Amino acid sequence: MKIILLENVRKIGSIGEVIDVKRGFARNYLISKKKALFASKENIKQVEKIKQDLSKKDQDKKKEAKLIQEKIKNKKYEIKKLSTENKELYGSVKPTEISRVLEEIDKVKVNPSLIQPSKEIKSIGNFDVIINLHPEVQTQIVISTIVQEDK
């Protein structure tokens, strides 16, 4: 299925590009998330007109992503969790929890879908977490899980 990208999408293409992708990916992800339009003649003409606006928006998003990156780059965040005697957590640390910690500590809003732990956080220790702030801006933080004392 031919589509026109409305924003830069990592490993797929850049703004205004007409690309061929699988129908399900186009419908369920790109078009539903307003990242692309179906490539009809009218839409192609329309995207040509608004290409400058789209690239300006993309530059603004990139600038914002770089500011967030500077704030949280290589920082270490602690999350207190209940654990068993053999250092296993009751439940794992999810991206939504990491997002909440970033907002509480550094007043930074990061969508949980942009947070990628290198492996599932299910025990006590330090874990690397990659955050994709923008298709061209990525940063890494460390999540340290520590034992929460029973009250």
C-alpha atoms as a PDB file:
ATOM      1  CA  MET A   1       0.000   0.000   0.000  1.00  0.00           C
ATOM      2  CA  LYS A   2       1.408   3.391  -0.966  1.00  0.00           C
ATOM      3  CA  ILE A   3       1.360   6.078   1.724  1.00  0.00           C
ATOM      4  CA  ILE A   4       2.813   9.564   2.312  1.00  0.00           C
ATOM      5  CA  LEU A   5       4.669  10.123   5.580  1.00  0.00           C
ATOM      6  CA  LEU A   6       3.602  13.162   7.614  1.00  0.00           C
ATOM      7  CA  GLU A   7       6.554  12.902  10.013  1.00  0.00           C
ATOM      8  CA  ASN A   8       9.963  11.273  10.229  1.00  0.00           C
ATOM      9  CA  VAL A   9       9.578   7.628  11.225  1.00  0.00           C
ATOM     10  CA  ARG A  10      12.685   5.727  12.280  1.00  0.00           C
ATOM     11  CA  LYS A  11      13.818   3.037   9.801  1.00  0.00           C
ATOM     12  CA  ILE A  12      10.899   3.858   7.487  1.00  0.00           C
ATOM     13  CA  GLY A  13      11.315   7.288   5.927  1.00  0.00           C
ATOM     14  CA  SER A  14      11.106  11.032   6.266  1.00  0.00           C
ATOM     15  CA  ILE A  15       8.435  13.721   5.875  1.00  0.00           C
ATOM     16  CA  GLY A  16       6.674  13.858   2.516  1.00  0.00           C
ATOM     17  CA  GLU A  17       8.162  10.605   1.260  1.00  0.00           C
ATOM     18  CA  VAL A  18       5.854   8.269  -0.675  1.00  0.00           C
ATOM     19  CA  ILE A  19       6.629   4.711   0.435  1.00  0.00           C
ATOM     20  CA  ASP A  20       5.193   1.254   0.013  1.00  0.00           C
ATOM     21  CA  VAL A  21       4.327  -0.605   3.234  1.00  0.00           C
ATOM     22  CA  LYS A  22       2.147  -3.535   4.204  1.00  0.00           C
ATOM     23  CA  ARG A  23      -1.546  -2.713   4.347  1.00  0.00           C
ATOM     24  CA  GLY A  24      -1.943  -3.661   8.038  1.00  0.00           C
ATOM     25  CA  PHE A  25       1.034  -1.569   9.150  1.00  0.00           C
ATOM     26  CA  ALA A  26      -0.273   1.416   7.181  1.00  0.00           C
ATOM     27  CA  ARG A  27      -3.837   1.161   8.469  1.00  0.00           C
ATOM     28  CA  ASN A  28      -3.268   0.060  12.054  1.00  0.00           C
ATOM     29  CA  TYR A  29      -0.225   2.148  12.898  1.00  0.00           C
ATOM     30  CA  LEU A  30       0.864   4.874  10.479  1.00  0.00           C
ATOM     31  CA  ILE A  31      -2.535   6.214   9.392  1.00  0.00           C
ATOM     32  CA  SER A  32      -4.288   5.673  12.756  1.00  0.00           C
ATOM     33  CA  LYS A  33      -1.512   7.554  14.609  1.00  0.00           C
ATOM     34  CA  LYS A  34      -1.620  10.392  12.011  1.00  0.00           C
ATOM     35  CA  LYS A  35       1.948   9.639  10.900  1.00  0.00           C
ATOM     36  CA  ALA A  36       0.874   9.047   7.277  1.00  0.00           C
ATOM     37  CA  LEU A  37      -1.842   9.514   4.649  1.00  0.00           C
ATOM     38  CA  PHE A  38      -3.046   7.213   1.879  1.00  0.00           C
ATOM     39  CA  ALA A  39      -1.117   8.214  -1.280  1.00  0.00           C
ATOM     40  CA  SER A  40      -3.888   9.554  -3.524  1.00  0.00           C
ATOM     41  CA  LYS A  41      -3.201  12.311  -6.096  1.00  0.00           C
ATOM     42  CA  GLU A  42      -5.053  14.867  -3.945  1.00  0.00           C
ATOM     43  CA  ASN A  43      -3.124  13.907  -0.790  1.00  0.00           C
ATOM     44  CA  ILE A  44       0.225  14.095  -2.612  1.00  0.00           C
ATOM     45  CA  LYS A  45      -0.596  17.672  -3.766  1.00  0.00           C
ATOM     46  CA  GLN A  46      -1.771  18.570  -0.255  1.00  0.00           C
ATOM     47  CA  VAL A  47       1.411  17.217   1.393  1.00  0.00           C
ATOM     48  CA  GLU A  48       3.616  19.157  -1.052  1.00  0.00           C
ATOM     49  CA  LYS A  49       1.916  22.363   0.155  1.00  0.00           C
ATOM     50  CA  ILE A  50       2.275  21.607   3.861  1.00  0.00           C
ATOM     51  CA  LYS A  51       5.743  20.035   3.686  1.00  0.00           C
ATOM     52  CA  GLN A  52       7.469  23.156   5.085  1.00  0.00           C
ATOM     53  CA  ASP A  53       5.051  23.327   8.022  1.00  0.00           C
ATOM     54  CA  LEU A  54       5.604  19.638   8.742  1.00  0.00           C
ATOM     55  CA  SER A  55       9.379  19.940   8.699  1.00  0.00           C
ATOM     56  CA  LYS A  56       9.207  23.019  10.958  1.00  0.00           C
ATOM     57  CA  LYS A  57       7.026  21.031  13.419  1.00  0.00           C
ATOM     58  CA  ASP A  58       9.519  18.177  13.226  1.00  0.00           C
ATOM     59  CA  GLN A  59      12.408  20.563  13.999  1.00  0.00           C
ATOM     60  CA  ASP A  60      10.489  21.895  17.013  1.00  0.00           C
ATOM     61  CA  LYS A  61       9.856  18.341  18.253  1.00  0.00           C
ATOM     62  CA  LYS A  62      13.539  17.548  17.762  1.00  0.00           C
ATOM     63  CA  LYS A  63      14.579  20.652  19.723  1.00  0.00           C
ATOM     64  CA  GLU A  64      12.213  19.703  22.560  1.00  0.00           C
ATOM     65  CA  ALA A  65      13.573  16.130  22.515  1.00  0.00           C
ATOM     66  CA  LYS A  66      17.156  17.445  22.775  1.00  0.00           C
ATOM     67  CA  LEU A  67      16.218  19.542  25.827  1.00  0.00           C
ATOM     68  CA  ILE A  68      14.733  16.475  27.523  1.00  0.00           C
ATOM     69  CA  GLN A  69      17.801  14.465  26.524  1.00  0.00           C
ATOM     70  CA  GLU A  70      20.113  17.011  28.203  1.00  0.00           C
ATOM     71  CA  LYS A  71      18.008  16.868  31.373  1.00  0.00           C
ATOM     72  CA  ILE A  72      17.945  13.083  31.804  1.00  0.00           C
ATOM     73  CA  LYS A  73      20.998  11.804  29.887  1.00  0.00           C
ATOM     74  CA  ASN A  74      22.884   9.071  31.810  1.00  0.00           C
ATOM     75  CA  LYS A  75      20.984   9.813  35.037  1.00  0.00           C
ATOM     76  CA  LYS A  76      20.183   7.154  37.598  1.00  0.00           C
ATOM     77  CA  TYR A  77      16.656   6.839  39.000  1.00  0.00           C
ATOM     78  CA  GLU A  78      15.687   4.712  41.984  1.00  0.00           C
ATOM     79  CA  ILE A  79      12.455   2.767  42.172  1.00  0.00           C
ATOM     80  CA  LYS A  80      11.488   1.126  45.467  1.00  0.00           C
ATOM     81  CA  LYS A  81       9.757  -2.233  45.122  1.00  0.00           C
ATOM     82  CA  LEU A  82       8.805  -5.096  47.392  1.00  0.00           C
ATOM     83  CA  SER A  83      10.958  -8.163  46.775  1.00  0.00           C
ATOM     84  CA  THR A  84      11.425 -11.755  47.864  1.00  0.00           C
ATOM     85  CA  GLU A  85      14.445 -13.012  49.848  1.00  0.00           C
ATOM     86  CA  ASN A  86      16.235 -14.009  46.616  1.00  0.00           C
ATOM     87  CA  LYS A  87      16.056 -10.424  45.217  1.00  0.00           C
ATOM     88  CA  GLU A  88      13.149 -11.106  42.826  1.00  0.00           C
ATOM     89  CA  LEU A  89      10.513  -8.370  42.557  1.00  0.00           C
ATOM     90  CA  TYR A  90       6.809  -8.910  43.098  1.00  0.00           C
ATOM     91  CA  GLY A  91       5.857  -7.856  39.564  1.00  0.00           C
ATOM     92  CA  SER A  92       8.157  -6.025  37.174  1.00  0.00           C
ATOM     93  CA  VAL A  93       8.939  -2.348  36.596  1.00  0.00           C
ATOM     94  CA  LYS A  94       6.886  -1.204  33.594  1.00  0.00           C
ATOM     95  CA  PRO A  95       7.522   1.764  31.241  1.00  0.00           C
ATOM     96  CA  THR A  96       4.500   3.588  32.745  1.00  0.00           C
ATOM     97  CA  GLU A  97       6.191   3.469  36.149  1.00  0.00           C
ATOM     98  CA  ILE A  98       9.483   4.744  34.680  1.00  0.00           C
ATOM     99  CA  SER A  99       7.553   7.554  32.942  1.00  0.00           C
ATOM    100  CA  ARG A 100       5.937   8.520  36.278  1.00  0.00           C
ATOM    101  CA  VAL A 101       9.354   8.605  38.012  1.00  0.00           C
ATOM    102  CA  LEU A 102      10.805  10.855  35.269  1.00  0.00           C
ATOM    103  CA  GLU A 103       7.881  13.243  35.671  1.00  0.00           C
ATOM    104  CA  GLU A 104       8.092  13.327  39.485  1.00  0.00           C
ATOM    105  CA  ILE A 105      11.853  13.840  39.688  1.00  0.00           C
ATOM    106  CA  ASP A 106      12.768  15.918  36.617  1.00  0.00           C
ATOM    107  CA  LYS A 107       9.331  17.281  35.589  1.00  0.00           C
ATOM    108  CA  VAL A 108       9.768  15.623  32.173  1.00  0.00           C
ATOM    109  CA  LYS A 109       6.811  14.061  30.337  1.00  0.00           C
ATOM    110  CA  VAL A 110       7.864  10.961  28.382  1.00  0.00           C
ATOM    111  CA  ASN A 111       5.304   8.735  26.699  1.00  0.00           C
ATOM    112  CA  PRO A 112       5.675   5.161  28.079  1.00  0.00           C
ATOM    113  CA  SER A 113       5.682   3.793  24.504  1.00  0.00           C
ATOM    114  CA  LEU A 114       9.038   5.553  23.940  1.00  0.00           C
ATOM    115  CA  ILE A 115      10.696   3.765  26.879  1.00  0.00           C
ATOM    116  CA  GLN A 116      12.582   0.541  26.106  1.00  0.00           C
ATOM    117  CA  PRO A 117      14.245  -1.347  28.964  1.00  0.00           C
ATOM    118  CA  SER A 118      17.198  -3.432  27.682  1.00  0.00           C
ATOM    119  CA  LYS A 119      15.641  -6.418  29.457  1.00  0.00           C
ATOM    120  CA  GLU A 120      12.637  -6.918  31.716  1.00  0.00           C
ATOM    121  CA  ILE A 121      13.167  -5.369  35.150  1.00  0.00           C
ATOM    122  CA  LYS A 122      12.183  -8.203  37.514  1.00  0.00           C
ATOM    123  CA  SER A 123      14.899  -8.137  40.190  1.00  0.00           C
ATOM    124  CA  ILE A 124      16.885  -5.823  42.449  1.00  0.00           C
ATOM    125  CA  GLY A 125      19.783  -4.066  40.668  1.00  0.00           C
ATOM    126  CA  ASN A 126      20.678  -1.559  37.950  1.00  0.00           C
ATOM    127  CA  PHE A 127      19.118  -1.721  34.492  1.00  0.00           C
ATOM    128  CA  ASP A 128      19.870   0.276  31.335  1.00  0.00           C
ATOM    129  CA  VAL A 129      16.826   1.857  29.711  1.00  0.00           C
ATOM    130  CA  ILE A 130      16.796   3.464  26.257  1.00  0.00           C
ATOM    131  CA  ILE A 131      14.382   6.325  25.613  1.00  0.00           C
ATOM    132  CA  ASN A 132      13.518   7.233  22.002  1.00  0.00           C
ATOM    133  CA  LEU A 133      12.566  10.897  22.301  1.00  0.00           C
ATOM    134  CA  HIS A 134      12.520  11.530  18.524  1.00  0.00           C
ATOM    135  CA  PRO A 135      13.498   9.444  15.468  1.00  0.00           C
ATOM    136  CA  GLU A 136      16.892  11.207  15.578  1.00  0.00           C
ATOM    137  CA  VAL A 137      17.252  11.714  19.362  1.00  0.00           C
ATOM    138  CA  GLN A 138      17.827   8.839  21.760  1.00  0.00           C
ATOM    139  CA  THR A 139      19.109   8.804  25.326  1.00  0.00           C
ATOM    140  CA  GLN A 140      19.902   6.270  28.005  1.00  0.00           C
ATOM    141  CA  ILE A 141      19.146   6.240  31.721  1.00  0.00           C
ATOM    142  CA  VAL A 142      19.742   3.741  34.504  1.00  0.00           C
ATOM    143  CA  ILE A 143      16.894   2.422  36.631  1.00  0.00           C
ATOM    144  CA  SER A 144      18.033   1.161  40.000  1.00  0.00           C
ATOM    145  CA  THR A 145      15.538  -1.053  41.797  1.00  0.00           C
ATOM    146  CA  ILE A 146      15.940  -1.077  45.559  1.00  0.00           C
ATOM    147  CA  VAL A 147      14.163  -2.937  48.344  1.00  0.00           C
ATOM    148  CA  GLN A 148      11.131  -1.210  49.819  1.00  0.00           C
ATOM    149  CA  GLU A 149      11.023  -1.829  53.543  1.00  0.00           C
ATOM    150  CA  ASP A 150       7.808  -3.276  54.937  1.00  0.00           C
ATOM    151  CA  LYS A 151       5.861  -0.875  57.129  1.00  0.00           C
END
